[in-house]
Amino acid sequence: MNTIIVVIVASILVVAFFMLGLSLTRIFKGHDIQSEISTNPHMKERGIKCAMQQEREAQMEAMGLESCDTNPDCNGECGACGAIKN
């Protein structure tokens, strides 16, 4: 019986530790972690693009169309334009 209680308490402590770790950015910076490539300003500064956007630009270049950077219909965000449709 004591072993079960120890395991339950240890599990609760581990979950609480990870929840605290995941919320540190929210606590100290006041916002969620910006893990989306298209909305992260640091990745934009370095010119990093998501694979879907790179593939879309390669297909547009192969078809002789303007790139996402100059096309006003596409704002360059991965989630904004949707998946590539053949």
N, C-alpha and C. Protein backbone atom coordinates (compact mmCIF):
# COMPACT_ATOMS: atom_id res chain seq x y z
N MET A 1 0.82 -1.20 0.00
CA MET A 1 0.00 0.00 0.00
C MET A 1 0.87 1.27 0.00
N ASN A 2 1.94 1.27 0.77
CA ASN A 2 2.82 2.43 0.83
C ASN A 2 3.51 2.69 -0.49
N THR A 3 3.83 1.63 -1.22
CA THR A 3 4.50 1.78 -2.51
C THR A 3 3.60 2.50 -3.50
N ILE A 4 2.32 2.19 -3.48
CA ILE A 4 1.37 2.83 -4.39
C ILE A 4 1.27 4.32 -4.08
N ILE A 5 1.21 4.67 -2.83
CA ILE A 5 1.13 6.08 -2.44
C ILE A 5 2.40 6.82 -2.86
N VAL A 6 3.56 6.21 -2.68
CA VAL A 6 4.83 6.83 -3.08
C VAL A 6 4.84 7.05 -4.59
N VAL A 7 4.39 6.08 -5.37
CA VAL A 7 4.37 6.20 -6.82
C VAL A 7 3.41 7.30 -7.25
N ILE A 8 2.25 7.38 -6.64
CA ILE A 8 1.27 8.42 -6.97
C ILE A 8 1.82 9.80 -6.63
N VAL A 9 2.41 9.96 -5.47
CA VAL A 9 2.96 11.26 -5.07
C VAL A 9 4.12 11.64 -5.99
N ALA A 10 4.98 10.68 -6.31
CA ALA A 10 6.10 10.95 -7.22
C ALA A 10 5.58 11.36 -8.59
N SER A 11 4.54 10.70 -9.08
CA SER A 11 3.96 11.05 -10.38
C SER A 11 3.39 12.46 -10.37
N ILE A 12 2.71 12.82 -9.31
CA ILE A 12 2.15 14.16 -9.20
C ILE A 12 3.26 15.21 -9.17
N LEU A 13 4.32 14.93 -8.45
CA LEU A 13 5.45 15.87 -8.39
C LEU A 13 6.13 16.02 -9.75
N VAL A 14 6.31 14.93 -10.47
CA VAL A 14 6.93 14.99 -11.78
C VAL A 14 6.07 15.79 -12.74
N VAL A 15 4.77 15.55 -12.74
CA VAL A 15 3.86 16.30 -13.62
C VAL A 15 3.88 17.79 -13.25
N ALA A 16 3.86 18.09 -11.96
CA ALA A 16 3.91 19.49 -11.53
C ALA A 16 5.21 20.16 -11.95
N PHE A 17 6.32 19.44 -11.86
CA PHE A 17 7.62 19.99 -12.26
C PHE A 17 7.62 20.32 -13.75
N PHE A 18 7.11 19.42 -14.58
CA PHE A 18 7.08 19.67 -16.02
C PHE A 18 6.09 20.77 -16.39
N MET A 19 4.98 20.86 -15.70
CA MET A 19 4.02 21.95 -15.96
C MET A 19 4.66 23.30 -15.63
N LEU A 20 5.40 23.36 -14.55
CA LEU A 20 6.10 24.60 -14.19
C LEU A 20 7.15 24.93 -15.25
N GLY A 21 7.89 23.92 -15.69
CA GLY A 21 8.90 24.14 -16.71
C GLY A 21 8.31 24.65 -18.01
N LEU A 22 7.17 24.10 -18.41
CA LEU A 22 6.52 24.52 -19.64
C LEU A 22 5.94 25.93 -19.53
N SER A 23 5.62 26.36 -18.34
CA SER A 23 4.99 27.67 -18.19
C SER A 23 5.96 28.79 -17.81
N LEU A 24 7.26 28.51 -17.75
CA LEU A 24 8.22 29.54 -17.37
C LEU A 24 8.23 30.72 -18.35
N THR A 25 8.13 30.44 -19.64
CA THR A 25 8.10 31.53 -20.62
C THR A 25 6.87 32.39 -20.39
N ARG A 26 5.74 31.76 -20.14
CA ARG A 26 4.49 32.49 -19.89
C ARG A 26 4.62 33.33 -18.62
N ILE A 27 5.24 32.77 -17.61
CA ILE A 27 5.35 33.47 -16.32
C ILE A 27 6.28 34.67 -16.44
N PHE A 28 7.48 34.49 -17.00
CA PHE A 28 8.48 35.54 -17.00
C PHE A 28 8.36 36.53 -18.16
N LYS A 29 7.95 36.05 -19.34
CA LYS A 29 7.87 36.93 -20.50
C LYS A 29 6.45 37.38 -20.83
N GLY A 30 5.46 36.70 -20.30
CA GLY A 30 4.08 37.10 -20.51
C GLY A 30 3.47 36.64 -21.82
N HIS A 31 4.13 35.71 -22.52
CA HIS A 31 3.57 35.18 -23.77
C HIS A 31 4.02 33.74 -23.95
N ASP A 32 3.34 33.03 -24.86
CA ASP A 32 3.70 31.65 -25.15
C ASP A 32 4.98 31.60 -25.97
N ILE A 33 5.60 30.45 -26.03
CA ILE A 33 6.78 30.26 -26.86
C ILE A 33 6.36 30.35 -28.31
N GLN A 34 7.09 31.12 -29.11
CA GLN A 34 6.76 31.27 -30.52
C GLN A 34 7.48 30.19 -31.31
N SER A 35 6.86 29.03 -31.39
CA SER A 35 7.50 27.91 -32.06
C SER A 35 7.13 27.82 -33.53
N GLU A 36 6.13 28.56 -33.98
CA GLU A 36 5.75 28.55 -35.39
C GLU A 36 6.79 29.33 -36.18
N ILE A 37 7.36 28.70 -37.18
CA ILE A 37 8.45 29.31 -37.95
C ILE A 37 8.00 30.62 -38.59
N SER A 38 6.79 30.66 -39.10
CA SER A 38 6.35 31.84 -39.85
C SER A 38 6.07 33.05 -38.97
N THR A 39 5.84 32.84 -37.68
CA THR A 39 5.52 33.98 -36.81
C THR A 39 6.66 34.34 -35.86
N ASN A 40 7.75 33.59 -35.86
CA ASN A 40 8.87 33.86 -34.98
C ASN A 40 9.77 34.91 -35.61
N PRO A 41 9.89 36.10 -34.99
CA PRO A 41 10.68 37.17 -35.60
C PRO A 41 12.17 36.85 -35.72
N HIS A 42 12.70 36.05 -34.81
CA HIS A 42 14.12 35.70 -34.88
C HIS A 42 14.40 34.79 -36.08
N MET A 43 13.49 33.90 -36.38
CA MET A 43 13.67 33.03 -37.54
C MET A 43 13.48 33.82 -38.84
N LYS A 44 12.57 34.79 -38.83
CA LYS A 44 12.39 35.64 -40.01
C LYS A 44 13.65 36.45 -40.29
N GLU A 45 14.29 36.96 -39.23
CA GLU A 45 15.52 37.74 -39.40
C GLU A 45 16.62 36.91 -40.04
N ARG A 46 16.67 35.63 -39.71
CA ARG A 46 17.70 34.75 -40.25
C ARG A 46 17.33 34.17 -41.61
N GLY A 47 16.12 34.46 -42.07
CA GLY A 47 15.69 33.97 -43.38
C GLY A 47 15.25 32.52 -43.37
N ILE A 48 14.93 31.98 -42.19
CA ILE A 48 14.50 30.58 -42.08
C ILE A 48 13.03 30.50 -42.47
N LYS A 49 12.70 29.57 -43.34
CA LYS A 49 11.32 29.37 -43.80
C LYS A 49 10.93 27.93 -43.56
N CYS A 50 9.63 27.68 -43.44
CA CYS A 50 9.17 26.32 -43.23
C CYS A 50 9.26 25.55 -44.54
N ALA A 51 9.25 24.23 -44.44
CA ALA A 51 9.41 23.38 -45.61
C ALA A 51 8.27 23.59 -46.60
N MET A 52 7.05 23.81 -46.11
CA MET A 52 5.92 24.01 -47.01
C MET A 52 6.10 25.29 -47.82
N GLN A 53 6.58 26.35 -47.20
CA GLN A 53 6.79 27.59 -47.93
C GLN A 53 7.91 27.44 -48.95
N GLN A 54 8.98 26.75 -48.59
CA GLN A 54 10.07 26.53 -49.53
C GLN A 54 9.60 25.72 -50.73
N GLU A 55 8.80 24.69 -50.49
CA GLU A 55 8.28 23.87 -51.58
C GLU A 55 7.35 24.69 -52.47
N ARG A 56 6.51 25.51 -51.85
CA ARG A 56 5.59 26.37 -52.62
C ARG A 56 6.37 27.33 -53.51
N GLU A 57 7.42 27.93 -52.96
CA GLU A 57 8.23 28.86 -53.74
C GLU A 57 8.95 28.15 -54.89
N ALA A 58 9.43 26.92 -54.64
CA ALA A 58 10.10 26.16 -55.69
C ALA A 58 9.13 25.82 -56.81
N GLN A 59 7.89 25.44 -56.46
CA GLN A 59 6.89 25.13 -57.48
C GLN A 59 6.51 26.38 -58.26
N MET A 60 6.37 27.51 -57.57
CA MET A 60 6.00 28.74 -58.25
C MET A 60 7.12 29.17 -59.21
N GLU A 61 8.38 29.00 -58.77
CA GLU A 61 9.51 29.35 -59.62
C GLU A 61 9.55 28.43 -60.85
N ALA A 62 9.26 27.14 -60.65
CA ALA A 62 9.28 26.20 -61.77
C ALA A 62 8.18 26.52 -62.78
N MET A 63 7.06 27.07 -62.30
CA MET A 63 5.95 27.41 -63.20
C MET A 63 6.10 28.82 -63.77
N GLY A 64 7.14 29.54 -63.34
CA GLY A 64 7.37 30.89 -63.84
C GLY A 64 6.51 31.94 -63.18
N LEU A 65 5.98 31.64 -62.00
CA LEU A 65 5.15 32.60 -61.26
C LEU A 65 6.01 33.37 -60.27
N GLU A 66 5.47 34.49 -59.77
CA GLU A 66 6.22 35.29 -58.81
C GLU A 66 6.28 34.56 -57.47
N SER A 67 7.31 34.86 -56.70
CA SER A 67 7.51 34.17 -55.43
C SER A 67 6.55 34.70 -54.37
N CYS A 68 6.51 34.02 -53.26
CA CYS A 68 5.64 34.43 -52.15
C CYS A 68 6.05 35.79 -51.60
N ASP A 69 7.32 36.12 -51.72
CA ASP A 69 7.80 37.40 -51.18
C ASP A 69 7.22 38.58 -51.95
N THR A 70 6.95 38.41 -53.25
CA THR A 70 6.45 39.52 -54.05
C THR A 70 4.97 39.38 -54.39
N ASN A 71 4.38 38.24 -54.09
CA ASN A 71 2.96 38.01 -54.37
C ASN A 71 2.12 38.61 -53.25
N PRO A 72 1.23 39.56 -53.54
CA PRO A 72 0.43 40.18 -52.47
C PRO A 72 -0.61 39.25 -51.87
N ASP A 73 -0.96 38.15 -52.57
CA ASP A 73 -1.95 37.22 -52.03
C ASP A 73 -1.38 36.33 -50.94
N CYS A 74 -0.07 36.20 -50.90
CA CYS A 74 0.59 35.34 -49.92
C CYS A 74 1.41 36.22 -48.99
N ASN A 75 1.16 36.11 -47.71
CA ASN A 75 1.92 36.94 -46.77
C ASN A 75 3.16 36.24 -46.24
N GLY A 76 3.52 35.11 -46.84
CA GLY A 76 4.75 34.41 -46.45
C GLY A 76 4.63 33.53 -45.24
N GLU A 77 3.45 33.41 -44.66
CA GLU A 77 3.28 32.57 -43.50
C GLU A 77 2.87 31.17 -43.92
N CYS A 78 3.41 30.19 -43.26
CA CYS A 78 3.16 28.80 -43.63
C CYS A 78 1.68 28.44 -43.53
N GLY A 79 1.05 28.84 -42.48
CA GLY A 79 -0.35 28.49 -42.29
C GLY A 79 -1.32 29.34 -43.05
N ALA A 80 -0.87 30.47 -43.59
CA ALA A 80 -1.79 31.40 -44.23
C ALA A 80 -2.22 30.96 -45.62
N CYS A 81 -1.29 30.40 -46.38
CA CYS A 81 -1.60 30.06 -47.77
C CYS A 81 -2.21 28.68 -47.92
N GLY A 82 -2.08 27.84 -46.91
CA GLY A 82 -2.60 26.49 -46.99
C GLY A 82 -1.63 25.56 -47.71
N ALA A 83 -2.04 24.32 -47.84
CA ALA A 83 -1.18 23.33 -48.47
C ALA A 83 -1.13 23.54 -49.97
N ILE A 84 -0.06 23.07 -50.58
CA ILE A 84 0.11 23.17 -52.02
C ILE A 84 -0.83 22.18 -52.69
N LYS A 85 -1.55 22.63 -53.65
CA LYS A 85 -2.48 21.77 -54.37
C LYS A 85 -1.96 21.60 -55.79
N ASN A 86 -1.81 20.36 -56.21
CA ASN A 86 -1.33 20.09 -57.58
C ASN A 86 -2.49 19.99 -58.53
